[in-house]
Protein backbone atom coordinates (compact mmCIF):
# COMPACT_ATOMS: atom_id res chain seq x y z
CA UNK A 1 26.19 -89.22 -288.47
CA UNK A 2 28.45 -88.11 -285.61
CA UNK A 3 26.70 -86.80 -282.53
CA UNK A 4 28.81 -83.65 -282.52
CA UNK A 5 31.67 -81.99 -284.36
CA UNK A 6 35.24 -82.56 -283.23
CA UNK A 7 35.36 -79.05 -281.78
CA UNK A 8 32.02 -79.60 -280.02
CA UNK A 9 33.12 -82.90 -278.50
CA UNK A 10 36.42 -81.39 -277.39
CA UNK A 11 34.62 -78.43 -275.83
CA UNK A 12 32.22 -80.77 -273.99
CA UNK A 13 35.09 -82.92 -272.69
CA UNK A 14 36.97 -79.83 -271.50
CA UNK A 15 33.85 -78.54 -269.73
CA UNK A 16 33.28 -81.90 -268.02
CA UNK A 17 36.93 -82.05 -266.93
CA UNK A 18 36.63 -78.56 -265.46
CA UNK A 19 33.46 -79.54 -263.57
CA UNK A 20 35.11 -82.68 -262.23
CA UNK A 21 38.16 -80.69 -261.14
CA UNK A 22 35.93 -78.31 -259.20
CA UNK A 23 34.14 -81.21 -257.48
CA UNK A 24 37.47 -82.80 -256.55
CA UNK A 25 38.64 -79.57 -254.90
CA UNK A 26 35.45 -79.40 -252.83
CA UNK A 27 35.68 -83.00 -251.61
CA UNK A 28 39.41 -82.55 -250.96
CA UNK A 29 38.73 -79.65 -248.58
CA UNK A 30 35.88 -81.55 -246.87
CA UNK A 31 38.03 -84.65 -246.31
CA UNK A 32 41.06 -82.73 -245.06
CA UNK A 33 38.88 -80.82 -242.58
CA UNK A 34 37.16 -83.99 -241.35
CA UNK A 35 40.53 -85.69 -240.84
CA UNK A 36 41.54 -83.01 -238.36
CA UNK A 37 38.19 -83.16 -236.56
CA UNK A 38 38.06 -86.95 -236.33
CA UNK A 39 41.67 -87.60 -235.36
CA UNK A 40 41.37 -85.19 -232.42
CA UNK A 41 37.98 -86.62 -231.40
CA UNK A 42 39.13 -90.22 -231.89
CA UNK A 43 42.16 -89.76 -229.64
CA UNK A 44 40.11 -87.90 -227.04
CA UNK A 45 37.38 -90.58 -227.01
CA UNK A 46 39.80 -93.53 -227.25
CA UNK A 47 37.84 -94.85 -230.25
CA UNK A 48 39.60 -97.13 -232.73
CA UNK A 49 36.75 -96.75 -235.20
CA UNK A 50 36.95 -92.94 -235.15
CA UNK A 51 40.74 -93.00 -235.53
CA UNK A 52 40.43 -95.43 -238.43
CA UNK A 53 37.81 -93.22 -240.06
CA UNK A 54 40.06 -90.18 -239.54
CA UNK A 55 42.94 -91.91 -241.31
CA UNK A 56 40.51 -92.83 -244.07
CA UNK A 57 39.65 -89.13 -244.46
CA UNK A 58 43.38 -88.36 -244.66
CA UNK A 59 43.95 -91.06 -247.29
CA UNK A 60 40.99 -89.81 -249.31
CA UNK A 61 42.23 -86.22 -249.19
CA UNK A 62 45.61 -87.41 -250.48
CA UNK A 63 43.88 -89.49 -253.16
CA UNK A 64 41.79 -86.56 -254.35
CA UNK A 65 44.96 -84.49 -254.55
CA UNK A 66 46.59 -87.16 -256.72
CA UNK A 67 43.47 -87.30 -258.91
CA UNK A 68 43.64 -83.53 -259.41
CA UNK A 69 47.32 -83.79 -260.37
CA UNK A 70 46.77 -86.42 -263.09
CA UNK A 71 43.43 -85.09 -264.36
CA UNK A 72 43.65 -84.67 -268.12
CA UNK A 73 46.87 -86.70 -268.40
CA UNK A 74 47.28 -89.89 -270.39
CA UNK A 75 45.70 -93.21 -269.39
CA UNK A 76 49.09 -94.47 -268.23
CA UNK A 77 49.44 -91.61 -265.73
CA UNK A 78 45.85 -91.97 -264.50
CA UNK A 79 46.18 -95.73 -264.08
CA UNK A 80 49.51 -95.30 -262.28
CA UNK A 81 47.88 -92.83 -259.90
CA UNK A 82 45.07 -95.30 -259.25
CA UNK A 83 47.71 -97.93 -258.52
CA UNK A 84 49.22 -95.69 -255.85
CA UNK A 85 45.78 -95.00 -254.39
CA UNK A 86 44.91 -98.70 -254.30
CA UNK A 87 48.16 -99.46 -252.52
CA UNK A 88 47.55 -96.68 -249.97
CA UNK A 89 44.04 -97.99 -249.32
CA UNK A 90 45.48 -101.45 -248.73
CA UNK A 91 48.06 -100.01 -246.34
CA UNK A 92 45.27 -98.24 -244.45
CA UNK A 93 43.42 -101.54 -244.09
CA UNK A 94 46.50 -103.28 -242.71
CA UNK A 95 47.16 -100.42 -240.29
CA UNK A 96 43.62 -100.64 -238.94
CA UNK A 97 44.01 -104.40 -238.43
CA UNK A 98 47.16 -103.73 -236.40
CA UNK A 99 45.33 -101.07 -234.38
CA UNK A 100 42.46 -103.47 -233.72
CA UNK A 101 44.87 -106.08 -232.38
CA UNK A 102 46.53 -103.51 -230.10
CA UNK A 103 43.20 -102.25 -228.71
CA UNK A 104 41.99 -105.81 -228.21
CA UNK A 105 44.98 -106.50 -225.99
CA UNK A 106 44.97 -103.10 -224.25
CA UNK A 107 41.36 -102.05 -224.72
CA UNK A 108 39.33 -99.51 -222.80
CA UNK A 109 35.73 -98.39 -223.27
CA UNK A 110 35.64 -95.46 -225.75
CA UNK A 111 33.42 -92.40 -225.30
CA UNK A 112 30.24 -93.32 -227.13
CA UNK A 113 28.86 -89.76 -227.00
CA UNK A 114 31.81 -88.31 -228.90
CA UNK A 115 31.65 -91.23 -231.33
CA UNK A 116 27.99 -90.54 -232.06
CA UNK A 117 28.29 -86.78 -232.55
CA UNK A 118 31.47 -86.85 -234.65
CA UNK A 119 30.25 -89.91 -236.56
CA UNK A 120 27.07 -88.02 -237.51
CA UNK A 121 29.07 -85.03 -238.75
CA UNK A 122 31.34 -87.36 -240.74
CA UNK A 123 28.33 -89.11 -242.28
CA UNK A 124 26.86 -85.80 -243.43
CA UNK A 125 30.23 -84.77 -244.92
CA UNK A 126 30.72 -88.03 -246.78
CA UNK A 127 27.12 -88.12 -248.01
CA UNK A 128 27.68 -84.66 -249.52
CA UNK A 129 30.90 -85.89 -251.19
CA UNK A 130 29.12 -88.97 -252.54
CA UNK A 131 26.32 -86.86 -254.02
CA UNK A 132 28.85 -84.54 -255.68
CA UNK A 133 30.80 -87.47 -257.18
CA UNK A 134 27.76 -89.52 -258.30
CA UNK A 135 27.88 -88.25 -261.89
CA UNK A 136 31.47 -89.53 -262.23
CA UNK A 137 31.03 -92.95 -260.62
CA UNK A 138 31.88 -94.75 -263.89
CA UNK A 139 35.03 -94.34 -265.94
CA UNK A 140 38.70 -95.24 -265.76
CA UNK A 141 40.44 -96.70 -262.72
CA UNK A 142 41.28 -93.24 -261.41
CA UNK A 143 37.67 -91.99 -261.39
CA UNK A 144 36.36 -95.32 -260.17
CA UNK A 145 38.84 -95.28 -257.28
CA UNK A 146 37.51 -91.89 -256.17
CA UNK A 147 33.93 -93.20 -256.23
CA UNK A 148 34.82 -96.41 -254.36
CA UNK A 149 36.62 -94.42 -251.65
CA UNK A 150 33.60 -92.16 -251.13
CA UNK A 151 31.11 -95.03 -251.17
CA UNK A 152 33.14 -96.94 -248.57
CA UNK A 153 33.33 -93.82 -246.43
CA UNK A 154 29.55 -93.56 -246.11
CA UNK A 155 29.33 -97.24 -245.15
CA UNK A 156 32.13 -96.72 -242.61
CA UNK A 157 30.34 -93.73 -241.05
CA UNK A 158 27.15 -95.74 -240.60
CA UNK A 159 29.26 -98.44 -238.96
CA UNK A 160 30.84 -95.89 -236.57
CA UNK A 161 27.37 -94.77 -235.48
CA UNK A 162 26.40 -98.40 -234.94
CA UNK A 163 29.56 -98.85 -232.86
CA UNK A 164 28.67 -95.83 -230.71
CA UNK A 165 25.23 -97.32 -230.07
CA UNK A 166 26.82 -100.70 -229.31
CA UNK A 167 29.30 -99.22 -226.84
CA UNK A 168 26.46 -97.37 -225.13
CA UNK A 169 24.33 -100.52 -224.94
CA UNK A 170 27.01 -102.99 -223.85
CA UNK A 171 29.35 -100.79 -221.85
CA UNK A 172 32.32 -102.48 -223.55
CA UNK A 173 34.74 -101.55 -226.33
CA UNK A 174 33.96 -104.61 -228.45
CA UNK A 175 31.51 -102.86 -230.83
CA UNK A 176 34.21 -100.27 -231.56
CA UNK A 177 36.76 -103.01 -232.27
CA UNK A 178 34.35 -104.97 -234.47
CA UNK A 179 33.46 -101.91 -236.56
CA UNK A 180 37.12 -101.00 -237.02
CA UNK A 181 37.72 -104.57 -238.27
CA UNK A 182 34.88 -104.22 -240.80
CA UNK A 183 36.37 -100.93 -242.00
CA UNK A 184 39.71 -102.67 -242.50
CA UNK A 185 38.07 -105.38 -244.62
CA UNK A 186 36.27 -102.74 -246.72
CA UNK A 187 39.54 -100.94 -247.31
CA UNK A 188 41.29 -104.14 -248.41
CA UNK A 189 38.42 -105.09 -250.74
CA UNK A 190 38.36 -101.61 -252.29
CA UNK A 191 42.14 -101.71 -252.70
CA UNK A 192 41.93 -105.05 -254.51
CA UNK A 193 39.28 -103.70 -256.93
CA UNK A 194 41.28 -100.55 -257.72
CA UNK A 195 44.57 -102.44 -258.12
CA UNK A 196 42.98 -104.95 -260.50
CA UNK A 197 41.51 -102.31 -262.79
CA UNK A 198 44.59 -100.08 -262.77
CA UNK A 199 46.90 -103.00 -263.60
CA UNK A 200 44.57 -104.01 -266.43
CA UNK A 201 44.61 -100.46 -267.83
CA UNK A 202 48.41 -100.29 -267.58
CA UNK A 203 48.73 -103.59 -269.47
CA UNK A 204 46.23 -102.40 -272.08
CA UNK A 205 48.06 -99.09 -272.51
CA UNK A 206 51.38 -100.92 -272.87
CA UNK A 207 49.89 -103.29 -275.45
CA UNK A 208 48.55 -100.37 -277.50
CA UNK A 209 51.88 -98.53 -277.30
CA UNK A 210 53.68 -101.59 -278.70
CA UNK A 211 51.45 -101.80 -281.76
CA UNK A 212 53.10 -100.56 -284.96
CA UNK A 213 52.03 -97.03 -285.88
CA UNK A 214 50.06 -96.67 -289.14
CA UNK A 215 52.10 -95.54 -292.09
């Protein structure tokens, strides 16, 4: 016996899509706001880790916007959007690596106080986003990419706080550089996961589309 009628299932799916859309709008606003806060604070404090985290907030805000655009579209569109998001995450990782190299050669000691305060605010913001997105952590590549981004953000924020403590304790910029390097690796790993799943879904969608239609 089916668990619900066709109309009931359709109504439930529509309601869930609407709830997910609302959550995406909330986390989009949070991430866009935190980008502005962190990029200003990161430049003022001379912190590579804060600047990297700010760019991560910007990338996430853009990713949530893409997710909102393709929500409810076909699997091909959703997988293609995830492909773009995976590529942008990989680009972010490579940019951070370049920034780490530059700061290693021209490094100064960042302001650990600003790092700690702004890092704590960022952690609270990302923890709220993660809690809101928890119910949609499984699913297609598009939804999974949103969850992976948010999960990595919380880990990155904890790392920024550890960097602030390290800078305070050592009086050098090395903890900041090390944390930024870890964030770059996380971004590249997340990008690889998203790209793999989205490419698999695109191949699967193409295979299904090539099957002969039933007469």
